[in-house]
């Protein structure tokens, strides 16, 4: 049986995702990226899991930043 997500919970999830995007953009601005590896990091994006060097959980939550 599929569990429905309440509108309030969806709103909270969207706000959390936005905060994560903002933090990642701040991190990117502090990094030296001479080869443009982080060029696909878009502050207007709602899905940082599609960005280069970002690791996410199966639930699409950011779990890591691969800097190697």
PDB file of N, CA and C in Angstrom:
ATOM      1  N   UNK A   1       0.829  -1.176   0.000  1.00  0.00           N
ATOM      2  CA  UNK A   1       0.000   0.000   0.000  1.00  0.00           C
ATOM      3  C   UNK A   1       0.878   1.245   0.000  1.00  0.00           C
ATOM      4  N   UNK A   2       0.642   2.124  -0.938  1.00  0.00           N
ATOM      5  CA  UNK A   2       1.441   3.334  -1.073  1.00  0.00           C
ATOM      6  C   UNK A   2       0.991   4.379  -0.053  1.00  0.00           C
ATOM      7  N   UNK A   3       1.976   4.944   0.660  1.00  0.00           N
ATOM      8  CA  UNK A   3       1.668   5.951   1.663  1.00  0.00           C
ATOM      9  C   UNK A   3       1.610   7.328   1.005  1.00  0.00           C
ATOM     10  N   UNK A   4       0.553   8.074   1.283  1.00  0.00           N
ATOM     11  CA  UNK A   4       0.423   9.421   0.745  1.00  0.00           C
ATOM     12  C   UNK A   4       1.171  10.402   1.635  1.00  0.00           C
ATOM     13  N   UNK A   5       1.752  11.417   1.010  1.00  0.00           N
ATOM     14  CA  UNK A   5       2.488  12.437   1.735  1.00  0.00           C
ATOM     15  C   UNK A   5       1.608  13.673   1.837  1.00  0.00           C
ATOM     16  N   UNK A   6       1.479  14.194   3.041  1.00  0.00           N
ATOM     17  CA  UNK A   6       0.620  15.354   3.246  1.00  0.00           C
ATOM     18  C   UNK A   6       1.218  16.590   2.575  1.00  0.00           C
ATOM     19  N   UNK A   7       0.375  17.546   2.198  1.00  0.00           N
ATOM     20  CA  UNK A   7       0.877  18.794   1.601  1.00  0.00           C
ATOM     21  C   UNK A   7       1.855  19.529   2.515  1.00  0.00           C
ATOM     22  N   UNK A   8       1.608  19.501   3.819  1.00  0.00           N
ATOM     23  CA  UNK A   8       2.513  20.163   4.764  1.00  0.00           C
ATOM     24  C   UNK A   8       3.884  19.506   4.754  1.00  0.00           C
ATOM     25  N   UNK A   9       3.897  18.182   4.708  1.00  0.00           N
ATOM     26  CA  UNK A   9       5.171  17.471   4.673  1.00  0.00           C
ATOM     27  C   UNK A   9       5.906  17.733   3.357  1.00  0.00           C
ATOM     28  N   UNK A  10       5.172  17.795   2.246  1.00  0.00           N
ATOM     29  CA  UNK A  10       5.783  18.110   0.959  1.00  0.00           C
ATOM     30  C   UNK A  10       6.389  19.508   0.977  1.00  0.00           C
ATOM     31  N   UNK A  11       5.692  20.463   1.586  1.00  0.00           N
ATOM     32  CA  UNK A  11       6.199  21.835   1.688  1.00  0.00           C
ATOM     33  C   UNK A  11       7.480  21.854   2.514  1.00  0.00           C
ATOM     34  N   UNK A  12       7.494  21.137   3.622  1.00  0.00           N
ATOM     35  CA  UNK A  12       8.692  21.073   4.471  1.00  0.00           C
ATOM     36  C   UNK A  12       9.855  20.443   3.720  1.00  0.00           C
ATOM     37  N   UNK A  13       9.580  19.398   2.949  1.00  0.00           N
ATOM     38  CA  UNK A  13      10.606  18.727   2.158  1.00  0.00           C
ATOM     39  C   UNK A  13      11.164  19.680   1.101  1.00  0.00           C
ATOM     40  N   UNK A  14      10.290  20.440   0.451  1.00  0.00           N
ATOM     41  CA  UNK A  14      10.729  21.398  -0.572  1.00  0.00           C
ATOM     42  C   UNK A  14      11.601  22.485   0.051  1.00  0.00           C
ATOM     43  N   UNK A  15      11.232  22.959   1.237  1.00  0.00           N
ATOM     44  CA  UNK A  15      12.030  23.979   1.914  1.00  0.00           C
ATOM     45  C   UNK A  15      13.407  23.431   2.281  1.00  0.00           C
ATOM     46  N   UNK A  16      13.457  22.189   2.747  1.00  0.00           N
ATOM     47  CA  UNK A  16      14.732  21.557   3.079  1.00  0.00           C
ATOM     48  C   UNK A  16      15.596  21.426   1.832  1.00  0.00           C
ATOM     49  N   UNK A  17      15.010  20.992   0.727  1.00  0.00           N
ATOM     50  CA  UNK A  17      15.771  20.855  -0.521  1.00  0.00           C
ATOM     51  C   UNK A  17      16.330  22.200  -0.955  1.00  0.00           C
ATOM     52  N   UNK A  18      15.536  23.267  -0.816  1.00  0.00           N
ATOM     53  CA  UNK A  18      16.006  24.597  -1.195  1.00  0.00           C
ATOM     54  C   UNK A  18      17.192  25.001  -0.324  1.00  0.00           C
ATOM     55  N   UNK A  19      17.126  24.730   0.963  1.00  0.00           N
ATOM     56  CA  UNK A  19      18.229  25.074   1.871  1.00  0.00           C
ATOM     57  C   UNK A  19      19.485  24.301   1.494  1.00  0.00           C
ATOM     58  N   UNK A  20      19.332  23.047   1.128  1.00  0.00           N
ATOM     59  CA  UNK A  20      20.483  22.238   0.716  1.00  0.00           C
ATOM     60  C   UNK A  20      21.110  22.813  -0.546  1.00  0.00           C
ATOM     61  N   UNK A  21      20.277  23.212  -1.503  1.00  0.00           N
ATOM     62  CA  UNK A  21      20.790  23.825  -2.736  1.00  0.00           C
ATOM     63  C   UNK A  21      21.562  25.095  -2.411  1.00  0.00           C
ATOM     64  N   UNK A  22      21.028  25.937  -1.535  1.00  0.00           N
ATOM     65  CA  UNK A  22      21.702  27.187  -1.151  1.00  0.00           C
ATOM     66  C   UNK A  22      23.052  26.892  -0.517  1.00  0.00           C
ATOM     67  N   UNK A  23      23.101  25.933   0.385  1.00  0.00           N
ATOM     68  CA  UNK A  23      24.361  25.585   1.059  1.00  0.00           C
ATOM     69  C   UNK A  23      25.371  25.047   0.045  1.00  0.00           C
ATOM     70  N   UNK A  24      24.937  24.187  -0.855  1.00  0.00           N
ATOM     71  CA  UNK A  24      25.853  23.644  -1.859  1.00  0.00           C
ATOM     72  C   UNK A  24      26.391  24.743  -2.781  1.00  0.00           C
ATOM     73  N   UNK A  25      25.565  25.701  -3.140  1.00  0.00           N
ATOM     74  CA  UNK A  25      26.032  26.816  -3.972  1.00  0.00           C
ATOM     75  C   UNK A  25      27.065  27.647  -3.203  1.00  0.00           C
ATOM     76  N   UNK A  26      26.861  27.835  -1.909  1.00  0.00           N
ATOM     77  CA  UNK A  26      27.854  28.543  -1.087  1.00  0.00           C
ATOM     78  C   UNK A  26      29.169  27.772  -1.023  1.00  0.00           C
ATOM     79  N   UNK A  27      29.086  26.462  -0.894  1.00  0.00           N
ATOM     80  CA  UNK A  27      30.287  25.630  -0.886  1.00  0.00           C
ATOM     81  C   UNK A  27      31.012  25.753  -2.221  1.00  0.00           C
ATOM     82  N   UNK A  28      30.253  25.686  -3.320  1.00  0.00           N
ATOM     83  CA  UNK A  28      30.860  25.805  -4.651  1.00  0.00           C
ATOM     84  C   UNK A  28      31.597  27.131  -4.804  1.00  0.00           C
ATOM     85  N   UNK A  29      31.024  28.199  -4.282  1.00  0.00           N
ATOM     86  CA  UNK A  29      31.657  29.514  -4.419  1.00  0.00           C
ATOM     87  C   UNK A  29      32.967  29.605  -3.646  1.00  0.00           C
ATOM     88  N   UNK A  30      33.133  28.741  -2.649  1.00  0.00           N
ATOM     89  CA  UNK A  30      34.360  28.745  -1.858  1.00  0.00           C
ATOM     90  C   UNK A  30      35.434  27.817  -2.430  1.00  0.00           C
ATOM     91  N   UNK A  31      35.071  27.005  -3.422  1.00  0.00           N
ATOM     92  CA  UNK A  31      36.012  26.044  -3.998  1.00  0.00           C
ATOM     93  C   UNK A  31      36.716  26.617  -5.218  1.00  0.00           C
ATOM     94  N   UNK A  32      37.916  26.146  -5.454  1.00  0.00           N
ATOM     95  CA  UNK A  32      38.647  26.467  -6.669  1.00  0.00           C
ATOM     96  C   UNK A  32      38.301  25.395  -7.693  1.00  0.00           C
ATOM     97  N   UNK A  33      37.650  25.788  -8.785  1.00  0.00           N
ATOM     98  CA  UNK A  33      37.194  24.844  -9.803  1.00  0.00           C
ATOM     99  C   UNK A  33      37.700  25.291 -11.174  1.00  0.00           C
ATOM    100  N   UNK A  34      39.027  25.179 -11.413  1.00  0.00           N
ATOM    101  CA  UNK A  34      39.595  25.699 -12.654  1.00  0.00           C
ATOM    102  C   UNK A  34      39.143  24.960 -13.915  1.00  0.00           C
ATOM    103  N   UNK A  35      38.648  23.729 -13.767  1.00  0.00           N
ATOM    104  CA  UNK A  35      38.235  22.937 -14.931  1.00  0.00           C
ATOM    105  C   UNK A  35      36.720  22.942 -15.137  1.00  0.00           C
ATOM    106  N   UNK A  36      35.994  23.662 -14.298  1.00  0.00           N
ATOM    107  CA  UNK A  36      34.543  23.767 -14.463  1.00  0.00           C
ATOM    108  C   UNK A  36      33.772  22.497 -14.155  1.00  0.00           C
ATOM    109  N   UNK A  37      34.316  21.673 -13.268  1.00  0.00           N
ATOM    110  CA  UNK A  37      33.654  20.406 -12.934  1.00  0.00           C
ATOM    111  C   UNK A  37      32.294  20.617 -12.268  1.00  0.00           C
ATOM    112  N   UNK A  38      32.098  21.785 -11.677  1.00  0.00           N
ATOM    113  CA  UNK A  38      30.852  22.048 -10.955  1.00  0.00           C
ATOM    114  C   UNK A  38      29.932  22.996 -11.723  1.00  0.00           C
ATOM    115  N   UNK A  39      30.154  23.134 -13.009  1.00  0.00           N
ATOM    116  CA  UNK A  39      29.356  24.057 -13.820  1.00  0.00           C
ATOM    117  C   UNK A  39      27.877  23.692 -13.890  1.00  0.00           C
ATOM    118  N   UNK A  40      27.538  22.422 -13.662  1.00  0.00           N
ATOM    119  CA  UNK A  40      26.129  22.049 -13.750  1.00  0.00           C
ATOM    120  C   UNK A  40      25.388  22.262 -12.424  1.00  0.00           C
ATOM    121  N   UNK A  41      26.065  22.826 -11.431  1.00  0.00           N
ATOM    122  CA  UNK A  41      25.409  23.159 -10.177  1.00  0.00           C
ATOM    123  C   UNK A  41      24.591  24.418 -10.416  1.00  0.00           C
ATOM    124  N   UNK A  42      23.295  24.294 -10.432  1.00  0.00           N
ATOM    125  CA  UNK A  42      22.380  25.380 -10.770  1.00  0.00           C
ATOM    126  C   UNK A  42      21.579  25.776  -9.539  1.00  0.00           C
ATOM    127  N   UNK A  43      21.730  27.024  -9.100  1.00  0.00           N
ATOM    128  CA  UNK A  43      21.026  27.467  -7.895  1.00  0.00           C
ATOM    129  C   UNK A  43      19.508  27.484  -8.070  1.00  0.00           C
ATOM    130  N   UNK A  44      19.033  27.426  -9.295  1.00  0.00           N
ATOM    131  CA  UNK A  44      17.592  27.368  -9.543  1.00  0.00           C
ATOM    132  C   UNK A  44      17.075  25.931  -9.586  1.00  0.00           C
ATOM    133  N   UNK A  45      17.971  24.984  -9.468  1.00  0.00           N
ATOM    134  CA  UNK A  45      17.599  23.575  -9.540  1.00  0.00           C
ATOM    135  C   UNK A  45      16.900  23.133  -8.259  1.00  0.00           C
ATOM    136  N   UNK A  46      16.007  22.177  -8.405  1.00  0.00           N
ATOM    137  CA  UNK A  46      15.372  21.589  -7.226  1.00  0.00           C
ATOM    138  C   UNK A  46      15.922  20.194  -6.951  1.00  0.00           C
ATOM    139  N   UNK A  47      16.855  19.746  -7.802  1.00  0.00           N
ATOM    140  CA  UNK A  47      17.388  18.395  -7.653  1.00  0.00           C
ATOM    141  C   UNK A  47      18.916  18.386  -7.688  1.00  0.00           C
ATOM    142  N   UNK A  48      19.563  18.664  -6.556  1.00  0.00           N
ATOM    143  CA  UNK A  48      21.024  18.628  -6.547  1.00  0.00           C
ATOM    144  C   UNK A  48      21.584  17.225  -6.731  1.00  0.00           C
ATOM    145  N   UNK A  49      20.749  16.206  -6.649  1.00  0.00           N
ATOM    146  CA  UNK A  49      21.225  14.838  -6.846  1.00  0.00           C
ATOM    147  C   UNK A  49      21.649  14.591  -8.290  1.00  0.00           C
ATOM    148  N   UNK A  50      21.266  15.458  -9.188  1.00  0.00           N
ATOM    149  CA  UNK A  50      21.676  15.319 -10.588  1.00  0.00           C
ATOM    150  C   UNK A  50      22.976  16.068 -10.869  1.00  0.00           C
ATOM    151  N   UNK A  51      23.509  16.756  -9.887  1.00  0.00           N
ATOM    152  CA  UNK A  51      24.729  17.544 -10.064  1.00  0.00           C
ATOM    153  C   UNK A  51      25.972  16.666 -10.015  1.00  0.00           C
ATOM    154  N   UNK A  52      27.008  17.112 -10.714  1.00  0.00           N
ATOM    155  CA  UNK A  52      28.302  16.423 -10.686  1.00  0.00           C
ATOM    156  C   UNK A  52      28.852  16.432  -9.259  1.00  0.00           C
ATOM    157  N   UNK A  53      29.447  15.322  -8.883  1.00  0.00           N
ATOM    158  CA  UNK A  53      30.173  15.145  -7.627  1.00  0.00           C
ATOM    159  C   UNK A  53      29.287  15.128  -6.383  1.00  0.00           C
ATOM    160  N   UNK A  54      27.979  15.020  -6.563  1.00  0.00           N
ATOM    161  CA  UNK A  54      27.053  14.933  -5.434  1.00  0.00           C
ATOM    162  C   UNK A  54      26.593  13.491  -5.298  1.00  0.00           C
ATOM    163  N   UNK A  55      26.602  12.979  -4.082  1.00  0.00           N
ATOM    164  CA  UNK A  55      26.122  11.634  -3.780  1.00  0.00           C
ATOM    165  C   UNK A  55      24.812  11.758  -3.022  1.00  0.00           C
ATOM    166  N   UNK A  56      23.837  10.943  -3.380  1.00  0.00           N
ATOM    167  CA  UNK A  56      22.533  10.996  -2.732  1.00  0.00           C
ATOM    168  C   UNK A  56      22.074   9.608  -2.305  1.00  0.00           C
ATOM    169  N   UNK A  57      21.162   9.612  -1.352  1.00  0.00           N
ATOM    170  CA  UNK A  57      20.557   8.366  -0.874  1.00  0.00           C
ATOM    171  C   UNK A  57      19.476   7.927  -1.860  1.00  0.00           C
ATOM    172  N   UNK A  58      18.950   6.719  -1.700  1.00  0.00           N
ATOM    173  CA  UNK A  58      17.841   6.280  -2.553  1.00  0.00           C
ATOM    174  C   UNK A  58      16.602   7.186  -2.430  1.00  0.00           C
ATOM    175  N   UNK A  59      16.516   7.926  -1.319  1.00  0.00           N
ATOM    176  CA  UNK A  59      15.403   8.860  -1.108  1.00  0.00           C
ATOM    177  C   UNK A  59      15.682  10.246  -1.687  1.00  0.00           C
ATOM    178  N   UNK A  60      16.771  10.355  -2.465  1.00  0.00           N
ATOM    179  CA  UNK A  60      17.190  11.622  -3.075  1.00  0.00           C
ATOM    180  C   UNK A  60      17.550  12.695  -2.060  1.00  0.00           C
ATOM    181  N   UNK A  61      18.186  12.284  -0.974  1.00  0.00           N
ATOM    182  CA  UNK A  61      18.731  13.225  -0.006  1.00  0.00           C
ATOM    183  C   UNK A  61      20.238  13.271  -0.195  1.00  0.00           C
ATOM    184  N   UNK A  62      20.809  14.462  -0.211  1.00  0.00           N
ATOM    185  CA  UNK A  62      22.257  14.596  -0.399  1.00  0.00           C
ATOM    186  C   UNK A  62      22.964  13.970   0.800  1.00  0.00           C
ATOM    187  N   UNK A  63      23.897  13.059   0.488  1.00  0.00           N
ATOM    188  CA  UNK A  63      24.637  12.384   1.552  1.00  0.00           C
ATOM    189  C   UNK A  63      26.139  12.651   1.475  1.00  0.00           C
ATOM    190  N   UNK A  64      26.585  13.235   0.361  1.00  0.00           N
ATOM    191  CA  UNK A  64      28.018  13.458   0.264  1.00  0.00           C
ATOM    192  C   UNK A  64      28.409  14.331  -0.909  1.00  0.00           C
ATOM    193  N   UNK A  65      29.627  14.822  -0.809  1.00  0.00           N
ATOM    194  CA  UNK A  65      30.252  15.624  -1.857  1.00  0.00           C
ATOM    195  C   UNK A  65      31.574  14.977  -2.184  1.00  0.00           C
ATOM    196  N   UNK A  66      31.712  14.453  -3.397  1.00  0.00           N
ATOM    197  CA  UNK A  66      32.913  13.759  -3.821  1.00  0.00           C
ATOM    198  C   UNK A  66      33.923  14.771  -4.331  1.00  0.00           C
ATOM    199  N   UNK A  67      34.972  15.000  -3.566  1.00  0.00           N
ATOM    200  CA  UNK A  67      35.966  15.984  -3.948  1.00  0.00           C
ATOM    201  C   UNK A  67      37.262  15.342  -4.434  1.00  0.00           C
ATOM    202  N   UNK A  68      37.259  14.038  -4.634  1.00  0.00           N
ATOM    203  CA  UNK A  68      38.497  13.374  -5.073  1.00  0.00           C
ATOM    204  C   UNK A  68      38.652  13.391  -6.571  1.00  0.00           C
TER     205      UNK A  68
END
